[in-house]
Amino acid sequence: MNADIVHILNAVRSHQSYWRDAIPLIASENVMSPLARSLLSSDLSQRYAEGKVGQRFYQGCKYIDEIEAKTIELAKDLFKAEHVNVQPISGVNANMATFFAFSEPGDKIISLKVSDGGHISHVKYSSAGLRGLKVYHHPFDAEKMNIDEERMVEEILEVKPKIVLFGASLFLFPHPVKEAVGAAREIGAKIVYDGAHVLGLIAGGKFQDPLREGADVLTASTHKTFPGPQGGIIFCKKELAREIDLAVFPGTVSNHHLHHLAAFGITLAEMKEFGQEYAEQVIKNAKHLAKVLYKMGFNALCKQYDFTESHQIVIDVADLGGGKEVAVRLEDAGIILNGNLLPLDSDMDADNPSGIRIGTQELTRIGMKEEEMKEVAEFLERVLLKEEPPERVNKDVVEMKKGYQYVHYCFDTGKAYDFSCNILNLLSKGAFIDCE
C-alpha cells in the first residue's frame, strides 16, 4: 500500500487509541452516539443541496428534504423556537450570518472581551470585524465572572448598538438577557445569544432559556454540551426568518454538510429523550469537581457562587506556571484541557494565560458521575500539586478510563472511541508495511 496512505491511517489509528485512554476535559468537545456517528460516512457526505427544503437548485434532493425537514421539526420542538435554520456549518458561521442579517459595516455591536470569556467571533479580529462592526465590550464583574447588569444597561443606551451579543466561550453563569431587553428595545437593537457552549444545557432545561428571556436570535454550534456533529444552527423569531435565511444562503453558506445534518437530527431525537437527565448530571459533575479541586488547594474561581451553573469550571493557575505550562504537564499524564485567558489577562497573554478551563460534558456522556469527579481531581492534584511524574500518573489514568468506554444518554449505547474501518483493522494486524 502507498506509504503516504499508511502514514495517515496509522495516525488515525493512534488518534483513536489516544482518546480511548485519555481523560477529556476540553469544554468545547463531546462524543456522538454510534448511530449518529455512523451517518457521517453515508452517501450524504458526497452530495449538494443548495437552497431550502422544497426549493433546491439541484435535483436528487427528495430524501435530503425529508431529513432536513424532520431535523428542523425536531429542533423547533426541543427548543420551542418559531424558526430554525440548520444550514450553518459552524458556530462562527452562524454568528457571521446573524451579523450579516442585522447589521451593516460601520454599525456597533456590544460583546464580551475575549479575556472576559468572549469568543473570538465576537470581536474585531474575527467575524464581527470581518463584517466591519465597531466592537464595544460589556462591562464585566470579574468577581462574579459575569456581565455587570447595571452598567450594561447604561452602555446599551449610550452606545446604541445594532446588536447586543450575549454568550461566551468561558461561560460559568447565565447572562443577564432579561435585564437588557428594555434598553435594547428602546434603541432598536437586536439581542443575539451565542449558546454554542451551553446548547445542550438549554436543551435539557437546566440553563437559562434565552428565547423566552427576550433574545431575538439564538446561535450555536452543535457539538459542545450538545453532543452532535460539528456544525451550527440559528433559532429566531418568525418575523426575522427571511433575513436569517438569506444571510445563511446565499449569504454565507453555499452547500451545507448533509451528513452532519442527518447526524444532528439523530442527536436532537436523543436529547428529546435523554437531554434533561444528561444536562443535570453535567452540571452536578462540574460543581462537584470544582468543590473537590478547591478543597485540595486549587484556586477554582467563584466559590461564593457555588463555582458554576454550567459544564465549565475555571482555575487560576498563575502560581503553578500559567495555563499553557499546566495544560502541557497534564497532557503528558493523559489529561486533556486548555489554558484560558482570565479577566486580568490581556489578549497578548494568550500563549500562556493565567487560567485553565475544564468541561465535564464528555466525561458525563461516557457515564461518569460525582464519584468519578473525585478520581479526576486526584489526578490533577498528583500532577500539579504533588508534582508526581506525569508518566506515572498516566498509567493510572489509562486504567481508570478503561471503565468508561461507552456512550450514555442515547438509544444505542456503544463504544465512544471506536472507529470501524476494515483498513484500520488490517493495519492493527500488521497487514501493511509500517511507514515510520
Foldseek 3Di string as FASTA:
>chain_A
DDLVVLVVLVVLLVVLVLLLQFAEWAQQFAFAAPVLVVLLPDCLQVDFFFDAQVDTPDPPCPVLSVLLVLLFVLVCVLLVFPGKDFFFFALLLLVLLVCQLFHAAAFEEEEADQLLFADPSQDCVHSCVVRNYDYHYFDADQQQSAGDLVVRLVCCQVRLGQEYEADGNQAFADHDLLSNQVSCVVSNHAYEYECASFPLLSSLVQHDSNVVSHHQKYKYFQGRLNNADTGIMMGGHPVSVVSSVVSNVPNRDGGGRSSSSNSSSQSSVLCVVQSNVLFVQLQQLQLLLLVLLVVLPWQWHDVVVSQGSGQKIKTFCVVQPFFVVLQVLLVLLSYHWGGGRHNVDDPVCRNGHRMTMTGCSRVSQLPDGSVVSNVVSVLSCCCRVVNDRSNVNSVVSSVVSVVRQWGPSHDRIDGRSDDDDPVSVCVVVVVDDNSD
